Amino acid sequence: MSTSSDRAAVAVERFGTTYAEQAGIRLKDKPAPLYQLLVLSLLLSARISADVAVAAARELFAAGYRTPRRMAEASWQDRVDALGRGHYRRYDERTSTMLGDGAQRLLDTDRGDLRRLHERAGSTRQIEEGLREFPGIGPAGAAIFCREVQGVWTDVAPYVDRRVSDGARRLKLPAGADRLAGLVDREQLPRLTAACVRAALDKSLTVD
């Protein structure tokens, strides 16, 4: 019988690609990739498939909107067009507005650098609250950001929300944050939580 560690390793190998990796974000504790993760978290928050959200993020980044300055300087229509190329059409106009407003807010409050938000926050809860001040980022978007960023903002780890726990149970893994995190090396935790999220969303995924 396989151990929980074995099952976790299989899950990471089979479907542990993070959404940031899928979107082409080389996540580091630097302003540009952190902002790109914020954009991706916003796109993933909508009631739309994750693949479409990722495709839309890739189109925005390919168009050059990789920093809040470039996003804010882009026209509303240019952002709509990039979202459309990623087939993010149902929410494209509203999302274009939120992207522009959010980029400007980040420039105005933290000089475009989410590390300042991190430095101010005394807890993960305060990070979540700070993220939710951006247009379009609600509890789901803040959770997506924290799940993915915990590999570089290590004080956030282990970040295991309800969706991760649900997926962990489906994979017959422990659902508690500390026990789940103990199954893999620290740098693999974002991939394990990503695998659990994918298992929660797609019932066909299994490690059997």
C-alpha atoms as a PDB file:
ATOM      1  CA  MET A   1       0.000   0.000   0.000  1.00  0.00           C
ATOM      2  CA  SER A   2       1.415   3.417  -0.932  1.00  0.00           C
ATOM      3  CA  THR A   3       2.133   5.933   1.776  1.00  0.00           C
ATOM      4  CA  SER A   4       0.780   9.475   1.868  1.00  0.00           C
ATOM      5  CA  SER A   5       4.217  10.717   0.842  1.00  0.00           C
ATOM      6  CA  ASP A   6       4.171   8.405  -2.166  1.00  0.00           C
ATOM      7  CA  ARG A   7       0.702   9.606  -3.165  1.00  0.00           C
ATOM      8  CA  ALA A   8       1.743  13.221  -2.769  1.00  0.00           C
ATOM      9  CA  ALA A   9       4.802  12.663  -4.968  1.00  0.00           C
ATOM     10  CA  VAL A  10       2.639  11.093  -7.684  1.00  0.00           C
ATOM     11  CA  ALA A  11       0.143  13.959  -7.498  1.00  0.00           C
ATOM     12  CA  VAL A  12       2.910  16.544  -7.874  1.00  0.00           C
ATOM     13  CA  GLU A  13       4.397  14.670 -10.826  1.00  0.00           C
ATOM     14  CA  ARG A  14       1.098  14.101 -12.647  1.00  0.00           C
ATOM     15  CA  PHE A  15      -0.775  17.358 -12.187  1.00  0.00           C
ATOM     16  CA  GLY A  16       1.247  19.603  -9.884  1.00  0.00           C
ATOM     17  CA  THR A  17       1.970  22.370 -12.394  1.00  0.00           C
ATOM     18  CA  THR A  18       1.060  25.651 -10.735  1.00  0.00           C
ATOM     19  CA  TYR A  19      -1.153  28.136 -12.518  1.00  0.00           C
ATOM     20  CA  ALA A  20       1.745  30.614 -12.469  1.00  0.00           C
ATOM     21  CA  GLU A  21       3.973  28.115 -14.277  1.00  0.00           C
ATOM     22  CA  GLN A  22       1.195  27.398 -16.763  1.00  0.00           C
ATOM     23  CA  ALA A  23       0.873  31.126 -17.456  1.00  0.00           C
ATOM     24  CA  GLY A  24       4.604  31.456 -18.037  1.00  0.00           C
ATOM     25  CA  ILE A  25       5.303  33.395 -14.832  1.00  0.00           C
ATOM     26  CA  ARG A  26       8.756  32.789 -13.371  1.00  0.00           C
ATOM     27  CA  LEU A  27       7.674  33.509  -9.849  1.00  0.00           C
ATOM     28  CA  LYS A  28      10.236  35.321  -7.710  1.00  0.00           C
ATOM     29  CA  ASP A  29      10.099  37.851  -4.900  1.00  0.00           C
ATOM     30  CA  LYS A  30      10.356  40.702  -7.391  1.00  0.00           C
ATOM     31  CA  PRO A  31       7.799  43.338  -8.434  1.00  0.00           C
ATOM     32  CA  ALA A  32       7.032  42.168 -11.982  1.00  0.00           C
ATOM     33  CA  PRO A  33       6.333  38.452 -11.383  1.00  0.00           C
ATOM     34  CA  LEU A  34       4.385  39.226  -8.197  1.00  0.00           C
ATOM     35  CA  TYR A  35       2.216  41.654 -10.161  1.00  0.00           C
ATOM     36  CA  GLN A  36       1.733  39.070 -12.897  1.00  0.00           C
ATOM     37  CA  LEU A  37       0.513  36.629 -10.255  1.00  0.00           C
ATOM     38  CA  LEU A  38      -1.967  39.242  -9.048  1.00  0.00           C
ATOM     39  CA  VAL A  39      -3.282  39.597 -12.616  1.00  0.00           C
ATOM     40  CA  LEU A  40      -3.564  35.833 -12.969  1.00  0.00           C
ATOM     41  CA  SER A  41      -5.383  35.563  -9.624  1.00  0.00           C
ATOM     42  CA  LEU A  42      -7.909  38.137 -10.805  1.00  0.00           C
ATOM     43  CA  LEU A  43      -8.517  36.264 -14.055  1.00  0.00           C
ATOM     44  CA  LEU A  44      -8.872  32.912 -12.276  1.00  0.00           C
ATOM     45  CA  SER A  45     -11.442  34.393  -9.888  1.00  0.00           C
ATOM     46  CA  ALA A  46     -14.142  34.659 -12.550  1.00  0.00           C
ATOM     47  CA  ARG A  47     -16.602  31.885 -13.305  1.00  0.00           C
ATOM     48  CA  ILE A  48     -14.632  30.769 -16.297  1.00  0.00           C
ATOM     49  CA  SER A  49     -12.377  27.806 -16.954  1.00  0.00           C
ATOM     50  CA  ALA A  50      -8.868  27.930 -15.554  1.00  0.00           C
ATOM     51  CA  ASP A  51      -7.431  27.177 -19.005  1.00  0.00           C
ATOM     52  CA  VAL A  52      -9.148  30.247 -20.466  1.00  0.00           C
ATOM     53  CA  ALA A  53      -7.970  32.412 -17.560  1.00  0.00           C
ATOM     54  CA  VAL A  54      -4.398  31.215 -18.062  1.00  0.00           C
ATOM     55  CA  ALA A  55      -4.614  31.789 -21.811  1.00  0.00           C
ATOM     56  CA  ALA A  56      -5.865  35.330 -21.209  1.00  0.00           C
ATOM     57  CA  ALA A  57      -2.997  36.013 -18.816  1.00  0.00           C
ATOM     58  CA  ARG A  58      -0.495  34.793 -21.390  1.00  0.00           C
ATOM     59  CA  GLU A  59      -2.011  37.113 -24.001  1.00  0.00           C
ATOM     60  CA  LEU A  60      -1.829  40.108 -21.658  1.00  0.00           C
ATOM     61  CA  PHE A  61       1.806  39.362 -20.872  1.00  0.00           C
ATOM     62  CA  ALA A  62       2.637  38.748 -24.541  1.00  0.00           C
ATOM     63  CA  ALA A  63       1.200  42.183 -25.307  1.00  0.00           C
ATOM     64  CA  GLY A  64       3.733  43.647 -22.885  1.00  0.00           C
ATOM     65  CA  TYR A  65       1.471  44.242 -19.888  1.00  0.00           C
ATOM     66  CA  ARG A  66       3.786  42.575 -17.401  1.00  0.00           C
ATOM     67  CA  THR A  67       4.072  45.462 -14.937  1.00  0.00           C
ATOM     68  CA  PRO A  68       1.469  47.742 -13.371  1.00  0.00           C
ATOM     69  CA  ARG A  69       2.932  50.687 -15.271  1.00  0.00           C
ATOM     70  CA  ARG A  70       2.507  48.984 -18.628  1.00  0.00           C
ATOM     71  CA  MET A  71      -0.971  47.731 -17.687  1.00  0.00           C
ATOM     72  CA  ALA A  72      -2.087  51.202 -16.599  1.00  0.00           C
ATOM     73  CA  GLU A  73      -0.666  52.824 -19.725  1.00  0.00           C
ATOM     74  CA  ALA A  74      -2.437  50.386 -22.051  1.00  0.00           C
ATOM     75  CA  SER A  75      -5.754  51.573 -23.395  1.00  0.00           C
ATOM     76  CA  TRP A  76      -8.962  49.991 -22.171  1.00  0.00           C
ATOM     77  CA  GLN A  77      -9.558  48.609 -25.673  1.00  0.00           C
ATOM     78  CA  ASP A  78      -6.059  47.160 -25.932  1.00  0.00           C
ATOM     79  CA  ARG A  79      -6.666  45.224 -22.714  1.00  0.00           C
ATOM     80  CA  VAL A  80     -10.052  44.062 -23.994  1.00  0.00           C
ATOM     81  CA  ASP A  81      -8.433  42.885 -27.227  1.00  0.00           C
ATOM     82  CA  ALA A  82      -5.754  40.916 -25.380  1.00  0.00           C
ATOM     83  CA  LEU A  83      -8.373  39.262 -23.187  1.00  0.00           C
ATOM     84  CA  GLY A  84     -10.378  38.419 -26.285  1.00  0.00           C
ATOM     85  CA  ARG A  85      -7.400  36.732 -27.900  1.00  0.00           C
ATOM     86  CA  GLY A  86      -7.338  34.474 -24.834  1.00  0.00           C
ATOM     87  CA  HIS A  87     -11.075  33.817 -25.333  1.00  0.00           C
ATOM     88  CA  TYR A  88     -11.841  35.603 -22.063  1.00  0.00           C
ATOM     89  CA  ARG A  89     -14.807  37.259 -23.699  1.00  0.00           C
ATOM     90  CA  ARG A  90     -17.684  36.983 -21.255  1.00  0.00           C
ATOM     91  CA  TYR A  91     -15.990  39.233 -18.718  1.00  0.00           C
ATOM     92  CA  ASP A  92     -13.550  41.105 -20.935  1.00  0.00           C
ATOM     93  CA  GLU A  93     -14.894  44.652 -20.651  1.00  0.00           C
ATOM     94  CA  ARG A  94     -15.384  44.627 -16.884  1.00  0.00           C
ATOM     95  CA  THR A  95     -12.070  42.869 -16.370  1.00  0.00           C
ATOM     96  CA  SER A  96     -10.232  45.402 -18.524  1.00  0.00           C
ATOM     97  CA  THR A  97     -11.512  48.164 -16.268  1.00  0.00           C
ATOM     98  CA  MET A  98     -10.501  46.284 -13.116  1.00  0.00           C
ATOM     99  CA  LEU A  99      -7.039  45.580 -14.485  1.00  0.00           C
ATOM    100  CA  GLY A 100      -6.482  49.243 -15.275  1.00  0.00           C
ATOM    101  CA  ASP A 101      -7.834  50.457 -11.935  1.00  0.00           C
ATOM    102  CA  GLY A 102      -5.904  47.818  -9.993  1.00  0.00           C
ATOM    103  CA  ALA A 103      -2.636  48.643 -11.732  1.00  0.00           C
ATOM    104  CA  GLN A 104      -3.074  52.329 -10.980  1.00  0.00           C
ATOM    105  CA  ARG A 105      -3.915  51.569  -7.365  1.00  0.00           C
ATOM    106  CA  LEU A 106      -0.741  49.522  -6.950  1.00  0.00           C
ATOM    107  CA  LEU A 107       1.309  52.338  -8.463  1.00  0.00           C
ATOM    108  CA  ASP A 108      -0.306  54.919  -6.208  1.00  0.00           C
ATOM    109  CA  THR A 109      -0.150  53.006  -2.936  1.00  0.00           C
ATOM    110  CA  ASP A 110       2.984  50.857  -3.202  1.00  0.00           C
ATOM    111  CA  ARG A 111       4.934  52.233  -6.171  1.00  0.00           C
ATOM    112  CA  GLY A 112       3.972  49.143  -8.134  1.00  0.00           C
ATOM    113  CA  ASP A 113       5.624  46.755  -5.677  1.00  0.00           C
ATOM    114  CA  LEU A 114       3.569  44.106  -3.862  1.00  0.00           C
ATOM    115  CA  ARG A 115       6.523  43.421  -1.598  1.00  0.00           C
ATOM    116  CA  ARG A 116       5.521  46.579   0.265  1.00  0.00           C
ATOM    117  CA  LEU A 117       2.138  45.033   1.040  1.00  0.00           C
ATOM    118  CA  HIS A 118       3.946  41.935   2.277  1.00  0.00           C
ATOM    119  CA  GLU A 119       6.253  43.977   4.487  1.00  0.00           C
ATOM    120  CA  ARG A 120       3.323  45.849   6.078  1.00  0.00           C
ATOM    121  CA  ALA A 121       1.324  42.720   6.783  1.00  0.00           C
ATOM    122  CA  GLY A 122       1.801  41.077  10.138  1.00  0.00           C
ATOM    123  CA  SER A 123       0.027  37.870   9.160  1.00  0.00           C
ATOM    124  CA  THR A 124      -1.308  35.909   6.232  1.00  0.00           C
ATOM    125  CA  ARG A 125      -4.775  37.210   7.056  1.00  0.00           C
ATOM    126  CA  GLN A 126      -3.529  40.756   6.637  1.00  0.00           C
ATOM    127  CA  ILE A 127      -1.960  39.834   3.300  1.00  0.00           C
ATOM    128  CA  GLU A 128      -5.329  38.477   2.186  1.00  0.00           C
ATOM    129  CA  GLU A 129      -7.061  41.645   3.362  1.00  0.00           C
ATOM    130  CA  GLY A 130      -4.555  43.804   1.475  1.00  0.00           C
ATOM    131  CA  LEU A 131      -5.031  41.793  -1.699  1.00  0.00           C
ATOM    132  CA  ARG A 132      -8.812  42.140  -1.465  1.00  0.00           C
ATOM    133  CA  GLU A 133      -8.453  45.912  -1.714  1.00  0.00           C
ATOM    134  CA  PHE A 134      -7.607  45.492  -5.400  1.00  0.00           C
ATOM    135  CA  PRO A 135     -10.557  45.573  -7.827  1.00  0.00           C
ATOM    136  CA  GLY A 136     -11.740  42.082  -8.700  1.00  0.00           C
ATOM    137  CA  ILE A 137      -9.775  40.323  -5.963  1.00  0.00           C
ATOM    138  CA  GLY A 138     -12.142  38.701  -3.490  1.00  0.00           C
ATOM    139  CA  PRO A 139     -11.575  35.824  -1.081  1.00  0.00           C
ATOM    140  CA  ALA A 140     -11.075  33.365  -3.954  1.00  0.00           C
ATOM    141  CA  GLY A 141      -8.525  35.550  -5.719  1.00  0.00           C
ATOM    142  CA  ALA A 142      -6.615  36.216  -2.504  1.00  0.00           C
ATOM    143  CA  ALA A 143      -6.512  32.480  -1.808  1.00  0.00           C
ATOM    144  CA  ILE A 144      -5.190  31.744  -5.301  1.00  0.00           C
ATOM    145  CA  PHE A 145      -2.441  34.326  -4.841  1.00  0.00           C
ATOM    146  CA  CYS A 146      -1.433  33.001  -1.420  1.00  0.00           C
ATOM    147  CA  ARG A 147      -1.413  29.370  -2.565  1.00  0.00           C
ATOM    148  CA  GLU A 148       0.956  30.188  -5.389  1.00  0.00           C
ATOM    149  CA  VAL A 149       3.149  32.755  -3.632  1.00  0.00           C
ATOM    150  CA  GLN A 150       3.910  30.617  -0.576  1.00  0.00           C
ATOM    151  CA  GLY A 151       6.981  29.232  -2.305  1.00  0.00           C
ATOM    152  CA  VAL A 152       8.614  32.689  -2.329  1.00  0.00           C
ATOM    153  CA  TRP A 153       6.825  34.318   0.620  1.00  0.00           C
ATOM    154  CA  THR A 154       7.694  31.440   2.896  1.00  0.00           C
ATOM    155  CA  ASP A 155       6.046  33.005   5.953  1.00  0.00           C
ATOM    156  CA  VAL A 156       2.708  32.372   4.207  1.00  0.00           C
ATOM    157  CA  ALA A 157       3.371  28.613   4.117  1.00  0.00           C
ATOM    158  CA  PRO A 158       1.738  26.288   4.709  1.00  0.00           C
ATOM    159  CA  TYR A 159      -1.259  27.890   2.989  1.00  0.00           C
ATOM    160  CA  VAL A 160      -4.045  25.360   2.642  1.00  0.00           C
ATOM    161  CA  ASP A 161      -7.541  26.681   1.987  1.00  0.00           C
ATOM    162  CA  ARG A 162     -10.812  24.768   1.703  1.00  0.00           C
ATOM    163  CA  ARG A 163     -10.346  23.931  -1.967  1.00  0.00           C
ATOM    164  CA  VAL A 164      -6.914  22.450  -1.303  1.00  0.00           C
ATOM    165  CA  SER A 165      -8.304  20.432   1.605  1.00  0.00           C
ATOM    166  CA  ASP A 166     -11.159  19.147  -0.553  1.00  0.00           C
ATOM    167  CA  GLY A 167      -8.716  17.996  -3.213  1.00  0.00           C
ATOM    168  CA  ALA A 168      -6.421  16.443  -0.650  1.00  0.00           C
ATOM    169  CA  ARG A 169      -9.273  14.295   0.641  1.00  0.00           C
ATOM    170  CA  ARG A 170     -10.074  13.172  -2.893  1.00  0.00           C
ATOM    171  CA  LEU A 171      -6.447  12.125  -3.295  1.00  0.00           C
ATOM    172  CA  LYS A 172      -6.567  10.340   0.073  1.00  0.00           C
ATOM    173  CA  LEU A 173      -4.069  12.764   1.569  1.00  0.00           C
ATOM    174  CA  PRO A 174      -4.258  14.531   4.925  1.00  0.00           C
ATOM    175  CA  ALA A 175      -6.326  17.707   4.653  1.00  0.00           C
ATOM    176  CA  GLY A 176      -4.693  19.639   7.495  1.00  0.00           C
ATOM    177  CA  ALA A 177      -2.118  22.266   6.543  1.00  0.00           C
ATOM    178  CA  ASP A 178       0.798  21.003   8.624  1.00  0.00           C
ATOM    179  CA  ARG A 179       0.326  17.335   7.802  1.00  0.00           C
ATOM    180  CA  LEU A 180      -0.123  18.002   4.084  1.00  0.00           C
ATOM    181  CA  ALA A 181       2.915  20.286   3.983  1.00  0.00           C
ATOM    182  CA  GLY A 182       4.972  17.633   5.735  1.00  0.00           C
ATOM    183  CA  LEU A 183       4.601  15.274   2.792  1.00  0.00           C
ATOM    184  CA  VAL A 184       6.865  17.259   0.450  1.00  0.00           C
ATOM    185  CA  ASP A 185       9.894  19.516   0.543  1.00  0.00           C
ATOM    186  CA  ARG A 186       9.012  23.150   1.162  1.00  0.00           C
ATOM    187  CA  GLU A 187       9.709  24.244  -2.415  1.00  0.00           C
ATOM    188  CA  GLN A 188       7.262  21.596  -3.671  1.00  0.00           C
ATOM    189  CA  LEU A 189       4.347  22.798  -1.541  1.00  0.00           C
ATOM    190  CA  PRO A 190       2.881  25.173  -4.165  1.00  0.00           C
ATOM    191  CA  ARG A 191       2.871  22.266  -6.630  1.00  0.00           C
ATOM    192  CA  LEU A 192       1.206  19.939  -4.141  1.00  0.00           C
ATOM    193  CA  THR A 193      -1.509  22.464  -3.349  1.00  0.00           C
ATOM    194  CA  ALA A 194      -1.961  23.050  -7.094  1.00  0.00           C
ATOM    195  CA  ALA A 195      -2.404  19.298  -7.586  1.00  0.00           C
ATOM    196  CA  CYS A 196      -4.998  19.230  -4.812  1.00  0.00           C
ATOM    197  CA  VAL A 197      -6.901  22.135  -6.361  1.00  0.00           C
ATOM    198  CA  ARG A 198      -6.949  20.423  -9.739  1.00  0.00           C
ATOM    199  CA  ALA A 199      -8.205  17.229  -8.094  1.00  0.00           C
ATOM    200  CA  ALA A 200     -10.976  19.205  -6.391  1.00  0.00           C
ATOM    201  CA  LEU A 201     -12.039  20.704  -9.735  1.00  0.00           C
ATOM    202  CA  ASP A 202     -11.634  17.586 -11.888  1.00  0.00           C
ATOM    203  CA  LYS A 203     -12.992  14.412 -10.300  1.00  0.00           C
ATOM    204  CA  SER A 204     -11.264  12.253 -12.910  1.00  0.00           C
ATOM    205  CA  LEU A 205      -7.805  13.024 -11.549  1.00  0.00           C
ATOM    206  CA  THR A 206      -6.426  10.295  -9.344  1.00  0.00           C
ATOM    207  CA  VAL A 207      -3.131   8.952  -8.022  1.00  0.00           C
ATOM    208  CA  ASP A 208      -4.349   5.310  -7.991  1.00  0.00           C
END
